[in-house]
């Protein structure tokens, strides 16, 4: 079961998924999990920017602080809402989308505007 499966069925994480996620977060390895989550989000954001700007060169070091900031923020949001009762999953996803939106007011657009 993927996160997409959960969202497409309009439910939150399945009981097994949620129990496993809570167990990881409560374990001694939660820091390692957080690092992996942040790295995954960083990779996603970098690839998103590269996809949207194929003619511009993009080295990871150019935007490292910006990307790390947004990746850490998104990871923090996700972890803060794990297991939250009555979470409007669709609304929450839309809020995160607005953070990384390609629209002029979107934060990723502000990073893209600084590309050489």
C-alpha atoms as a PDB file:
ATOM      1  CA  UNK A   1       0.000   0.000   0.000  1.00  0.00           C
ATOM      2  CA  UNK A   2       1.423   3.361  -0.973  1.00  0.00           C
ATOM      3  CA  UNK A   3       0.636   6.858   0.291  1.00  0.00           C
ATOM      4  CA  UNK A   4      -1.048   7.442  -3.064  1.00  0.00           C
ATOM      5  CA  UNK A   5      -3.299   4.437  -2.420  1.00  0.00           C
ATOM      6  CA  UNK A   6      -4.292   5.908   0.947  1.00  0.00           C
ATOM      7  CA  UNK A   7      -5.073   9.327  -0.513  1.00  0.00           C
ATOM      8  CA  UNK A   8      -6.890   7.982  -3.568  1.00  0.00           C
ATOM      9  CA  UNK A   9      -9.165   6.011  -1.252  1.00  0.00           C
ATOM     10  CA  UNK A  10      -9.754   9.202   0.750  1.00  0.00           C
ATOM     11  CA  UNK A  11      -8.564   7.662   3.967  1.00  0.00           C
ATOM     12  CA  UNK A  12      -5.631   8.342   6.191  1.00  0.00           C
ATOM     13  CA  UNK A  13      -2.876   5.824   6.638  1.00  0.00           C
ATOM     14  CA  UNK A  14      -4.042   2.293   7.169  1.00  0.00           C
ATOM     15  CA  UNK A  15      -3.908   0.988  10.724  1.00  0.00           C
ATOM     16  CA  UNK A  16      -0.800  -1.121  10.006  1.00  0.00           C
ATOM     17  CA  UNK A  17       0.908   1.778   8.215  1.00  0.00           C
ATOM     18  CA  UNK A  18       0.160   4.169  11.036  1.00  0.00           C
ATOM     19  CA  UNK A  19       1.289   1.735  13.723  1.00  0.00           C
ATOM     20  CA  UNK A  20       4.580   1.144  11.913  1.00  0.00           C
ATOM     21  CA  UNK A  21       5.166   4.858  11.388  1.00  0.00           C
ATOM     22  CA  UNK A  22       4.471   5.631  15.043  1.00  0.00           C
ATOM     23  CA  UNK A  23       6.784   2.807  16.088  1.00  0.00           C
ATOM     24  CA  UNK A  24       9.605   4.229  13.944  1.00  0.00           C
ATOM     25  CA  UNK A  25       9.051   7.762  15.240  1.00  0.00           C
ATOM     26  CA  UNK A  26       9.057   6.546  18.844  1.00  0.00           C
ATOM     27  CA  UNK A  27      12.166   4.398  18.351  1.00  0.00           C
ATOM     28  CA  UNK A  28      15.804   5.252  18.929  1.00  0.00           C
ATOM     29  CA  UNK A  29      16.234   5.396  15.162  1.00  0.00           C
ATOM     30  CA  UNK A  30      13.800   8.293  14.658  1.00  0.00           C
ATOM     31  CA  UNK A  31      16.669  10.690  13.850  1.00  0.00           C
ATOM     32  CA  UNK A  32      17.816   8.368  11.072  1.00  0.00           C
ATOM     33  CA  UNK A  33      14.229   8.189   9.774  1.00  0.00           C
ATOM     34  CA  UNK A  34      13.936  11.983   9.810  1.00  0.00           C
ATOM     35  CA  UNK A  35      17.199  12.337   7.857  1.00  0.00           C
ATOM     36  CA  UNK A  36      15.984   9.866   5.239  1.00  0.00           C
ATOM     37  CA  UNK A  37      12.659  11.683   4.985  1.00  0.00           C
ATOM     38  CA  UNK A  38      14.363  15.075   4.570  1.00  0.00           C
ATOM     39  CA  UNK A  39      16.803  13.680   1.987  1.00  0.00           C
ATOM     40  CA  UNK A  40      13.903  12.181   0.031  1.00  0.00           C
ATOM     41  CA  UNK A  41      12.029  15.480   0.019  1.00  0.00           C
ATOM     42  CA  UNK A  42      15.208  17.349  -0.983  1.00  0.00           C
ATOM     43  CA  UNK A  43      15.695  14.987  -3.919  1.00  0.00           C
ATOM     44  CA  UNK A  44      12.066  15.449  -4.950  1.00  0.00           C
ATOM     45  CA  UNK A  45      12.323  19.251  -4.823  1.00  0.00           C
ATOM     46  CA  UNK A  46      15.602  19.328  -6.768  1.00  0.00           C
ATOM     47  CA  UNK A  47      14.181  17.058  -9.443  1.00  0.00           C
ATOM     48  CA  UNK A  48      11.016  19.168  -9.587  1.00  0.00           C
ATOM     49  CA  UNK A  49      13.077  22.302 -10.176  1.00  0.00           C
ATOM     50  CA  UNK A  50      15.258  20.537 -12.780  1.00  0.00           C
ATOM     51  CA  UNK A  51      12.172  19.241 -14.588  1.00  0.00           C
ATOM     52  CA  UNK A  52      10.586  22.677 -14.653  1.00  0.00           C
ATOM     53  CA  UNK A  53      13.827  24.374 -15.754  1.00  0.00           C
ATOM     54  CA  UNK A  54      15.514  21.970 -18.190  1.00  0.00           C
ATOM     55  CA  UNK A  55      17.580  24.664 -19.918  1.00  0.00           C
ATOM     56  CA  UNK A  56      19.097  26.041 -16.733  1.00  0.00           C
ATOM     57  CA  UNK A  57      22.042  24.431 -15.047  1.00  0.00           C
ATOM     58  CA  UNK A  58      21.420  23.541 -11.456  1.00  0.00           C
ATOM     59  CA  UNK A  59      24.048  22.354  -9.069  1.00  0.00           C
ATOM     60  CA  UNK A  60      22.902  21.115  -5.700  1.00  0.00           C
ATOM     61  CA  UNK A  61      25.203  23.517  -3.856  1.00  0.00           C
ATOM     62  CA  UNK A  62      23.618  26.599  -5.456  1.00  0.00           C
ATOM     63  CA  UNK A  63      20.322  26.112  -3.709  1.00  0.00           C
ATOM     64  CA  UNK A  64      21.287  23.781  -0.879  1.00  0.00           C
ATOM     65  CA  UNK A  65      20.171  26.070   1.957  1.00  0.00           C
ATOM     66  CA  UNK A  66      16.842  26.910   0.322  1.00  0.00           C
ATOM     67  CA  UNK A  67      16.059  23.308  -0.541  1.00  0.00           C
ATOM     68  CA  UNK A  68      17.102  22.071   2.916  1.00  0.00           C
ATOM     69  CA  UNK A  69      14.886  24.718   4.518  1.00  0.00           C
ATOM     70  CA  UNK A  70      11.790  23.691   2.561  1.00  0.00           C
ATOM     71  CA  UNK A  71      12.510  19.954   2.835  1.00  0.00           C
ATOM     72  CA  UNK A  72      12.948  20.219   6.610  1.00  0.00           C
ATOM     73  CA  UNK A  73       9.767  22.253   6.911  1.00  0.00           C
ATOM     74  CA  UNK A  74       7.712  19.812   4.886  1.00  0.00           C
ATOM     75  CA  UNK A  75       9.149  16.861   6.835  1.00  0.00           C
ATOM     76  CA  UNK A  76       8.319  18.637  10.089  1.00  0.00           C
ATOM     77  CA  UNK A  77       4.755  19.223   8.935  1.00  0.00           C
ATOM     78  CA  UNK A  78       4.333  15.588   7.955  1.00  0.00           C
ATOM     79  CA  UNK A  79       5.778  14.271  11.211  1.00  0.00           C
ATOM     80  CA  UNK A  80       3.753  16.701  13.320  1.00  0.00           C
ATOM     81  CA  UNK A  81       0.539  15.424  11.787  1.00  0.00           C
ATOM     82  CA  UNK A  82       1.213  11.672  12.010  1.00  0.00           C
ATOM     83  CA  UNK A  83      -1.805  10.042  13.565  1.00  0.00           C
ATOM     84  CA  UNK A  84      -3.682  13.307  14.028  1.00  0.00           C
ATOM     85  CA  UNK A  85      -7.347  12.548  14.454  1.00  0.00           C
ATOM     86  CA  UNK A  86      -9.750  14.217  12.048  1.00  0.00           C
ATOM     87  CA  UNK A  87      -6.960  15.376   9.711  1.00  0.00           C
ATOM     88  CA  UNK A  88      -8.351  16.672   6.433  1.00  0.00           C
ATOM     89  CA  UNK A  89      -5.820  14.796   4.307  1.00  0.00           C
ATOM     90  CA  UNK A  90      -6.813  16.462   1.058  1.00  0.00           C
ATOM     91  CA  UNK A  91      -6.733  19.943   2.600  1.00  0.00           C
ATOM     92  CA  UNK A  92      -3.371  19.217   4.236  1.00  0.00           C
ATOM     93  CA  UNK A  93      -1.934  18.020   0.915  1.00  0.00           C
ATOM     94  CA  UNK A  94      -3.248  21.167  -0.791  1.00  0.00           C
ATOM     95  CA  UNK A  95      -1.534  23.342   1.830  1.00  0.00           C
ATOM     96  CA  UNK A  96       1.779  21.592   1.202  1.00  0.00           C
ATOM     97  CA  UNK A  97       1.235  21.904  -2.551  1.00  0.00           C
ATOM     98  CA  UNK A  98       0.795  25.650  -2.154  1.00  0.00           C
ATOM     99  CA  UNK A  99       4.181  25.772  -0.433  1.00  0.00           C
ATOM    100  CA  UNK A 100       5.876  24.186  -3.433  1.00  0.00           C
ATOM    101  CA  UNK A 101       3.490  25.522  -6.051  1.00  0.00           C
ATOM    102  CA  UNK A 102       4.789  26.629  -9.448  1.00  0.00           C
ATOM    103  CA  UNK A 103       2.475  29.630  -9.226  1.00  0.00           C
ATOM    104  CA  UNK A 104       4.120  33.080  -8.902  1.00  0.00           C
ATOM    105  CA  UNK A 105       3.334  33.212  -5.191  1.00  0.00           C
ATOM    106  CA  UNK A 106       4.738  29.718  -4.624  1.00  0.00           C
ATOM    107  CA  UNK A 107       7.978  29.340  -2.724  1.00  0.00           C
ATOM    108  CA  UNK A 108       9.604  27.040  -5.270  1.00  0.00           C
ATOM    109  CA  UNK A 109       8.972  29.685  -7.920  1.00  0.00           C
ATOM    110  CA  UNK A 110      10.934  32.135  -5.759  1.00  0.00           C
ATOM    111  CA  UNK A 111      13.868  29.725  -5.730  1.00  0.00           C
ATOM    112  CA  UNK A 112      13.577  29.167  -9.485  1.00  0.00           C
ATOM    113  CA  UNK A 113      13.616  32.904 -10.100  1.00  0.00           C
ATOM    114  CA  UNK A 114      17.128  32.993  -8.647  1.00  0.00           C
ATOM    115  CA  UNK A 115      18.526  30.382 -11.049  1.00  0.00           C
ATOM    116  CA  UNK A 116      21.192  31.694 -13.460  1.00  0.00           C
END
